[in-house]
Amino acid sequence: PSPIEGMLQPGMVLPPDVPMVGAEFRVIVVTELKDERLRTVRFGRTLALIDPETRLVKDALHLSAPAYEAARVH
C-alpha cells in the first residue's frame, strides 16, 4: 500500500511533494473516454488519471484481488 491511497480521490489536487510514478505496465489504451493529456500513475494498488500540469486527479481505480488461497478452486 501507498500512504496516499487512503486520501486519493477524483477532484483532489495531488500535493507537490508526492511524485507521479507512471504505471509500469500499459493500462489505458487509446479511447475516447481518456483525454490524451492525462497520465496514468500508480500509487500502491491504485491507478489514477492525473493532469500533469495541474496535478488534478481526474479518476482513480482501486485494484483488489482475493488472497491466493481464497481464489483457488477446491
PDB file of N, CA and C in Angstrom:
ATOM      1  N   PRO A   1       0.810  -1.208   0.000  1.00  0.00           N
ATOM      2  CA  PRO A   1       0.000   0.000   0.000  1.00  0.00           C
ATOM      3  C   PRO A   1       0.853   1.272   0.000  1.00  0.00           C
ATOM      4  N   SER A   2       0.299   2.320  -0.546  1.00  0.00           N
ATOM      5  CA  SER A   2       0.954   3.620  -0.580  1.00  0.00           C
ATOM      6  C   SER A   2       0.252   4.534   0.417  1.00  0.00           C
ATOM      7  N   PRO A   3       0.984   5.392   1.128  1.00  0.00           N
ATOM      8  CA  PRO A   3       0.351   6.287   2.103  1.00  0.00           C
ATOM      9  C   PRO A   3      -0.713   7.206   1.496  1.00  0.00           C
ATOM     10  N   ILE A   4      -0.587   7.533   0.234  1.00  0.00           N
ATOM     11  CA  ILE A   4      -1.536   8.463  -0.392  1.00  0.00           C
ATOM     12  C   ILE A   4      -2.835   7.771  -0.811  1.00  0.00           C
ATOM     13  N   GLU A   5      -2.830   6.440  -0.896  1.00  0.00           N
ATOM     14  CA  GLU A   5      -4.012   5.725  -1.381  1.00  0.00           C
ATOM     15  C   GLU A   5      -5.277   6.037  -0.596  1.00  0.00           C
ATOM     16  N   GLY A   6      -5.183   6.159   0.703  1.00  0.00           N
ATOM     17  CA  GLY A   6      -6.362   6.387   1.526  1.00  0.00           C
ATOM     18  C   GLY A   6      -7.031   7.727   1.281  1.00  0.00           C
ATOM     19  N   MET A   7      -6.289   8.685   0.772  1.00  0.00           N
ATOM     20  CA  MET A   7      -6.863  10.010   0.544  1.00  0.00           C
ATOM     21  C   MET A   7      -7.071  10.333  -0.932  1.00  0.00           C
ATOM     22  N   LEU A   8      -6.613   9.469  -1.820  1.00  0.00           N
ATOM     23  CA  LEU A   8      -6.694   9.721  -3.259  1.00  0.00           C
ATOM     24  C   LEU A   8      -8.135   9.630  -3.741  1.00  0.00           C
ATOM     25  N   GLN A   9      -8.619  10.711  -4.349  1.00  0.00           N
ATOM     26  CA  GLN A   9      -9.979  10.714  -4.879  1.00  0.00           C
ATOM     27  C   GLN A   9     -10.092  11.717  -6.014  1.00  0.00           C
ATOM     28  N   PRO A  10     -11.014  11.471  -6.955  1.00  0.00           N
ATOM     29  CA  PRO A  10     -11.205  12.404  -8.064  1.00  0.00           C
ATOM     30  C   PRO A  10     -11.533  13.807  -7.547  1.00  0.00           C
ATOM     31  N   GLY A  11     -10.948  14.805  -8.195  1.00  0.00           N
ATOM     32  CA  GLY A  11     -11.198  16.195  -7.836  1.00  0.00           C
ATOM     33  C   GLY A  11     -10.146  16.791  -6.921  1.00  0.00           C
ATOM     34  N   MET A  12      -9.329  15.955  -6.295  1.00  0.00           N
ATOM     35  CA  MET A  12      -8.286  16.498  -5.421  1.00  0.00           C
ATOM     36  C   MET A  12      -7.064  16.877  -6.252  1.00  0.00           C
ATOM     37  N   VAL A  13      -6.276  17.782  -5.724  1.00  0.00           N
ATOM     38  CA  VAL A  13      -5.013  18.161  -6.357  1.00  0.00           C
ATOM     39  C   VAL A  13      -3.918  17.416  -5.615  1.00  0.00           C
ATOM     40  N   LEU A  14      -3.112  16.684  -6.358  1.00  0.00           N
ATOM     41  CA  LEU A  14      -2.018  15.922  -5.779  1.00  0.00           C
ATOM     42  C   LEU A  14      -0.998  16.883  -5.168  1.00  0.00           C
ATOM     43  N   PRO A  15      -0.638  16.693  -3.893  1.00  0.00           N
ATOM     44  CA  PRO A  15       0.336  17.593  -3.262  1.00  0.00           C
ATOM     45  C   PRO A  15       1.662  17.612  -4.046  1.00  0.00           C
ATOM     46  N   PRO A  16       2.347  18.744  -4.058  1.00  0.00           N
ATOM     47  CA  PRO A  16       3.576  18.872  -4.844  1.00  0.00           C
ATOM     48  C   PRO A  16       4.698  17.949  -4.390  1.00  0.00           C
ATOM     49  N   ASP A  17       4.664  17.482  -3.143  1.00  0.00           N
ATOM     50  CA  ASP A  17       5.730  16.601  -2.663  1.00  0.00           C
ATOM     51  C   ASP A  17       5.477  15.126  -2.976  1.00  0.00           C
ATOM     52  N   VAL A  18       4.343  14.811  -3.606  1.00  0.00           N
ATOM     53  CA  VAL A  18       4.028  13.422  -3.971  1.00  0.00           C
ATOM     54  C   VAL A  18       4.431  13.203  -5.424  1.00  0.00           C
ATOM     55  N   PRO A  19       5.378  12.286  -5.670  1.00  0.00           N
ATOM     56  CA  PRO A  19       5.814  12.046  -7.048  1.00  0.00           C
ATOM     57  C   PRO A  19       4.740  11.311  -7.844  1.00  0.00           C
ATOM     58  N   MET A  20       4.654  11.629  -9.135  1.00  0.00           N
ATOM     59  CA  MET A  20       3.715  10.946 -10.027  1.00  0.00           C
ATOM     60  C   MET A  20       4.474   9.813 -10.715  1.00  0.00           C
ATOM     61  N   VAL A  21       4.380   8.630 -10.137  1.00  0.00           N
ATOM     62  CA  VAL A  21       5.087   7.457 -10.654  1.00  0.00           C
ATOM     63  C   VAL A  21       4.215   6.798 -11.715  1.00  0.00           C
ATOM     64  N   GLY A  22       4.717   6.746 -12.931  1.00  0.00           N
ATOM     65  CA  GLY A  22       3.953   6.132 -14.009  1.00  0.00           C
ATOM     66  C   GLY A  22       3.728   4.653 -13.763  1.00  0.00           C
ATOM     67  N   ALA A  23       2.596   4.152 -14.226  1.00  0.00           N
ATOM     68  CA  ALA A  23       2.321   2.726 -14.119  1.00  0.00           C
ATOM     69  C   ALA A  23       3.364   1.981 -14.945  1.00  0.00           C
ATOM     70  N   GLU A  24       3.896   0.898 -14.406  1.00  0.00           N
ATOM     71  CA  GLU A  24       4.979   0.188 -15.082  1.00  0.00           C
ATOM     72  C   GLU A  24       4.499  -0.775 -16.150  1.00  0.00           C
ATOM     73  N   PHE A  25       3.219  -0.750 -16.427  1.00  0.00           N
ATOM     74  CA  PHE A  25       2.669  -1.582 -17.490  1.00  0.00           C
ATOM     75  C   PHE A  25       1.605  -0.766 -18.221  1.00  0.00           C
ATOM     76  N   ARG A  26       1.363  -1.089 -19.459  1.00  0.00           N
ATOM     77  CA  ARG A  26       0.384  -0.331 -20.249  1.00  0.00           C
ATOM     78  C   ARG A  26      -1.015  -0.640 -19.729  1.00  0.00           C
ATOM     79  N   VAL A  27      -1.707   0.382 -19.273  1.00  0.00           N
ATOM     80  CA  VAL A  27      -3.000   0.185 -18.640  1.00  0.00           C
ATOM     81  C   VAL A  27      -4.132   0.710 -19.513  1.00  0.00           C
ATOM     82  N   ILE A  28      -4.000   1.911 -19.988  1.00  0.00           N
ATOM     83  CA  ILE A  28      -5.065   2.554 -20.749  1.00  0.00           C
ATOM     84  C   ILE A  28      -4.676   2.560 -22.227  1.00  0.00           C
ATOM     85  N   VAL A  29      -5.549   2.072 -23.059  1.00  0.00           N
ATOM     86  CA  VAL A  29      -5.311   2.128 -24.493  1.00  0.00           C
ATOM     87  C   VAL A  29      -6.017   3.362 -25.042  1.00  0.00           C
ATOM     88  N   VAL A  30      -5.817   3.641 -26.308  1.00  0.00           N
ATOM     89  CA  VAL A  30      -6.448   4.810 -26.900  1.00  0.00           C
ATOM     90  C   VAL A  30      -7.961   4.615 -26.864  1.00  0.00           C
ATOM     91  N   THR A  31      -8.645   5.561 -26.285  1.00  0.00           N
ATOM     92  CA  THR A  31     -10.098   5.517 -26.174  1.00  0.00           C
ATOM     93  C   THR A  31     -10.630   6.938 -26.113  1.00  0.00           C
ATOM     94  N   GLU A  32     -11.854   7.119 -26.553  1.00  0.00           N
ATOM     95  CA  GLU A  32     -12.473   8.439 -26.490  1.00  0.00           C
ATOM     96  C   GLU A  32     -12.742   8.864 -25.053  1.00  0.00           C
ATOM     97  N   LEU A  33     -12.706   7.927 -24.116  1.00  0.00           N
ATOM     98  CA  LEU A  33     -13.017   8.219 -22.727  1.00  0.00           C
ATOM     99  C   LEU A  33     -11.860   8.857 -21.968  1.00  0.00           C
ATOM    100  N   LYS A  34     -10.644   8.771 -22.493  1.00  0.00           N
ATOM    101  CA  LYS A  34      -9.470   9.291 -21.782  1.00  0.00           C
ATOM    102  C   LYS A  34      -8.836  10.417 -22.581  1.00  0.00           C
ATOM    103  N   ASP A  35      -8.723  11.566 -21.968  1.00  0.00           N
ATOM    104  CA  ASP A  35      -8.039  12.706 -22.577  1.00  0.00           C
ATOM    105  C   ASP A  35      -6.565  12.329 -22.733  1.00  0.00           C
ATOM    106  N   GLU A  36      -6.010  12.522 -23.903  1.00  0.00           N
ATOM    107  CA  GLU A  36      -4.620  12.110 -24.156  1.00  0.00           C
ATOM    108  C   GLU A  36      -3.593  12.881 -23.323  1.00  0.00           C
ATOM    109  N   ARG A  37      -3.991  14.013 -22.741  1.00  0.00           N
ATOM    110  CA  ARG A  37      -3.059  14.778 -21.908  1.00  0.00           C
ATOM    111  C   ARG A  37      -2.879  14.178 -20.514  1.00  0.00           C
ATOM    112  N   LEU A  38      -3.804  13.327 -20.093  1.00  0.00           N
ATOM    113  CA  LEU A  38      -3.728  12.754 -18.746  1.00  0.00           C
ATOM    114  C   LEU A  38      -2.672  11.662 -18.665  1.00  0.00           C
ATOM    115  N   ARG A  39      -2.054  11.549 -17.495  1.00  0.00           N
ATOM    116  CA  ARG A  39      -1.070  10.494 -17.242  1.00  0.00           C
ATOM    117  C   ARG A  39      -1.691   9.439 -16.350  1.00  0.00           C
ATOM    118  N   THR A  40      -1.384   8.183 -16.634  1.00  0.00           N
ATOM    119  CA  THR A  40      -1.810   7.089 -15.777  1.00  0.00           C
ATOM    120  C   THR A  40      -0.678   6.825 -14.797  1.00  0.00           C
ATOM    121  N   VAL A  41      -0.941   7.000 -13.517  1.00  0.00           N
ATOM    122  CA  VAL A  41       0.077   6.800 -12.489  1.00  0.00           C
ATOM    123  C   VAL A  41      -0.419   5.773 -11.477  1.00  0.00           C
ATOM    124  N   ARG A  42       0.528   5.183 -10.752  1.00  0.00           N
ATOM    125  CA  ARG A  42       0.187   4.153  -9.779  1.00  0.00           C
ATOM    126  C   ARG A  42       0.632   4.571  -8.397  1.00  0.00           C
ATOM    127  N   PHE A  43      -0.238   4.318  -7.429  1.00  0.00           N
ATOM    128  CA  PHE A  43       0.075   4.513  -6.014  1.00  0.00           C
ATOM    129  C   PHE A  43      -0.316   3.216  -5.316  1.00  0.00           C
ATOM    130  N   GLY A  44       0.649   2.376  -5.018  1.00  0.00           N
ATOM    131  CA  GLY A  44       0.343   1.094  -4.392  1.00  0.00           C
ATOM    132  C   GLY A  44      -0.573   0.273  -5.274  1.00  0.00           C
ATOM    133  N   ARG A  45      -1.785   0.013  -4.804  1.00  0.00           N
ATOM    134  CA  ARG A  45      -2.766  -0.778  -5.560  1.00  0.00           C
ATOM    135  C   ARG A  45      -3.812   0.101  -6.238  1.00  0.00           C
ATOM    136  N   THR A  46      -3.494   1.366  -6.454  1.00  0.00           N
ATOM    137  CA  THR A  46      -4.444   2.292  -7.059  1.00  0.00           C
ATOM    138  C   THR A  46      -3.843   2.919  -8.315  1.00  0.00           C
ATOM    139  N   LEU A  47      -4.638   2.945  -9.381  1.00  0.00           N
ATOM    140  CA  LEU A  47      -4.257   3.642 -10.604  1.00  0.00           C
ATOM    141  C   LEU A  47      -5.049   4.938 -10.646  1.00  0.00           C
ATOM    142  N   ALA A  48      -4.406   6.002 -11.114  1.00  0.00           N
ATOM    143  CA  ALA A  48      -5.087   7.293 -11.183  1.00  0.00           C
ATOM    144  C   ALA A  48      -4.779   7.976 -12.505  1.00  0.00           C
ATOM    145  N   LEU A  49      -5.763   8.701 -13.003  1.00  0.00           N
ATOM    146  CA  LEU A  49      -5.569   9.556 -14.172  1.00  0.00           C
ATOM    147  C   LEU A  49      -5.370  10.961 -13.646  1.00  0.00           C
ATOM    148  N   ILE A  50      -4.216  11.553 -13.967  1.00  0.00           N
ATOM    149  CA  ILE A  50      -3.856  12.859 -13.410  1.00  0.00           C
ATOM    150  C   ILE A  50      -3.420  13.802 -14.523  1.00  0.00           C
ATOM    151  N   ASP A  51      -3.886  15.044 -14.429  1.00  0.00           N
ATOM    152  CA  ASP A  51      -3.437  16.086 -15.339  1.00  0.00           C
ATOM    153  C   ASP A  51      -2.041  16.498 -14.861  1.00  0.00           C
ATOM    154  N   PRO A  52      -0.999  16.264 -15.661  1.00  0.00           N
ATOM    155  CA  PRO A  52       0.358  16.555 -15.200  1.00  0.00           C
ATOM    156  C   PRO A  52       0.647  18.035 -14.969  1.00  0.00           C
ATOM    157  N   GLU A  53      -0.103  18.924 -15.605  1.00  0.00           N
ATOM    158  CA  GLU A  53       0.136  20.356 -15.435  1.00  0.00           C
ATOM    159  C   GLU A  53      -0.486  20.889 -14.144  1.00  0.00           C
ATOM    160  N   THR A  54      -1.711  20.475 -13.852  1.00  0.00           N
ATOM    161  CA  THR A  54      -2.415  20.988 -12.671  1.00  0.00           C
ATOM    162  C   THR A  54      -2.339  20.029 -11.482  1.00  0.00           C
ATOM    163  N   ARG A  55      -1.930  18.770 -11.735  1.00  0.00           N
ATOM    164  CA  ARG A  55      -1.864  17.689 -10.739  1.00  0.00           C
ATOM    165  C   ARG A  55      -3.259  17.333 -10.207  1.00  0.00           C
ATOM    166  N   LEU A  56      -4.297  17.672 -10.979  1.00  0.00           N
ATOM    167  CA  LEU A  56      -5.670  17.359 -10.605  1.00  0.00           C
ATOM    168  C   LEU A  56      -5.948  15.886 -10.905  1.00  0.00           C
ATOM    169  N   VAL A  57      -6.476  15.175  -9.916  1.00  0.00           N
ATOM    170  CA  VAL A  57      -6.835  13.771 -10.085  1.00  0.00           C
ATOM    171  C   VAL A  57      -8.195  13.725 -10.779  1.00  0.00           C
ATOM    172  N   LYS A  58      -8.221  13.174 -11.983  1.00  0.00           N
ATOM    173  CA  LYS A  58      -9.465  13.086 -12.754  1.00  0.00           C
ATOM    174  C   LYS A  58     -10.249  11.833 -12.397  1.00  0.00           C
ATOM    175  N   ASP A  59      -9.554  10.723 -12.113  1.00  0.00           N
ATOM    176  CA  ASP A  59     -10.230   9.483 -11.766  1.00  0.00           C
ATOM    177  C   ASP A  59      -9.242   8.572 -11.063  1.00  0.00           C
ATOM    178  N   ALA A  60      -9.766   7.631 -10.268  1.00  0.00           N
ATOM    179  CA  ALA A  60      -8.931   6.678  -9.558  1.00  0.00           C
ATOM    180  C   ALA A  60      -9.603   5.315  -9.596  1.00  0.00           C
ATOM    181  N   LEU A  61      -8.800   4.280  -9.740  1.00  0.00           N
ATOM    182  CA  LEU A  61      -9.283   2.905  -9.783  1.00  0.00           C
ATOM    183  C   LEU A  61      -8.513   2.117  -8.739  1.00  0.00           C
ATOM    184  N   HIS A  62      -9.220   1.637  -7.729  1.00  0.00           N
ATOM    185  CA  HIS A  62      -8.597   0.871  -6.659  1.00  0.00           C
ATOM    186  C   HIS A  62      -8.670  -0.605  -7.029  1.00  0.00           C
ATOM    187  N   LEU A  63      -7.518  -1.241  -7.186  1.00  0.00           N
ATOM    188  CA  LEU A  63      -7.448  -2.644  -7.588  1.00  0.00           C
ATOM    189  C   LEU A  63      -7.406  -3.538  -6.364  1.00  0.00           C
ATOM    190  N   SER A  64      -8.098  -4.638  -6.440  1.00  0.00           N
ATOM    191  CA  SER A  64      -8.046  -5.600  -5.346  1.00  0.00           C
ATOM    192  C   SER A  64      -8.187  -7.001  -5.933  1.00  0.00           C
ATOM    193  N   ALA A  65      -7.796  -7.963  -5.162  1.00  0.00           N
ATOM    194  CA  ALA A  65      -7.904  -9.359  -5.573  1.00  0.00           C
ATOM    195  C   ALA A  65      -8.010 -10.196  -4.314  1.00  0.00           C
ATOM    196  N   PRO A  66      -8.671 -11.350  -4.411  1.00  0.00           N
ATOM    197  CA  PRO A  66      -8.749 -12.210  -3.235  1.00  0.00           C
ATOM    198  C   PRO A  66      -7.377 -12.796  -2.916  1.00  0.00           C
ATOM    199  N   ALA A  67      -7.209 -13.219  -1.686  1.00  0.00           N
ATOM    200  CA  ALA A  67      -5.971 -13.902  -1.309  1.00  0.00           C
ATOM    201  C   ALA A  67      -5.836 -15.162  -2.166  1.00  0.00           C
ATOM    202  N   TYR A  68      -4.633 -15.597  -2.391  1.00  0.00           N
ATOM    203  CA  TYR A  68      -4.370 -16.753  -3.246  1.00  0.00           C
ATOM    204  C   TYR A  68      -5.197 -17.961  -2.846  1.00  0.00           C
ATOM    205  N   GLU A  69      -5.201 -18.286  -1.571  1.00  0.00           N
ATOM    206  CA  GLU A  69      -5.940 -19.457  -1.100  1.00  0.00           C
ATOM    207  C   GLU A  69      -7.443 -19.317  -1.335  1.00  0.00           C
ATOM    208  N   ALA A  70      -7.981 -18.125  -1.139  1.00  0.00           N
ATOM    209  CA  ALA A  70      -9.407 -17.901  -1.338  1.00  0.00           C
ATOM    210  C   ALA A  70      -9.792 -17.991  -2.809  1.00  0.00           C
ATOM    211  N   ALA A  71      -8.853 -17.693  -3.702  1.00  0.00           N
ATOM    212  CA  ALA A  71      -9.121 -17.693  -5.139  1.00  0.00           C
ATOM    213  C   ALA A  71      -9.002 -19.084  -5.754  1.00  0.00           C
ATOM    214  N   ARG A  72      -8.339 -19.987  -5.077  1.00  0.00           N
ATOM    215  CA  ARG A  72      -8.141 -21.339  -5.631  1.00  0.00           C
ATOM    216  C   ARG A  72      -9.453 -22.109  -5.670  1.00  0.00           C
ATOM    217  N   VAL A  73      -9.628 -22.876  -6.708  1.00  0.00           N
ATOM    218  CA  VAL A  73     -10.798 -23.751  -6.828  1.00  0.00           C
ATOM    219  C   VAL A  73     -10.475 -25.047  -6.094  1.00  0.00           C
ATOM    220  N   HIS A  74     -11.317 -25.426  -5.137  1.00  0.00           N
ATOM    221  CA  HIS A  74     -11.051 -26.643  -4.366  1.00  0.00           C
ATOM    222  C   HIS A  74     -11.784 -27.812  -4.945  1.00  0.00           C
TER     223      HIS A  74
END
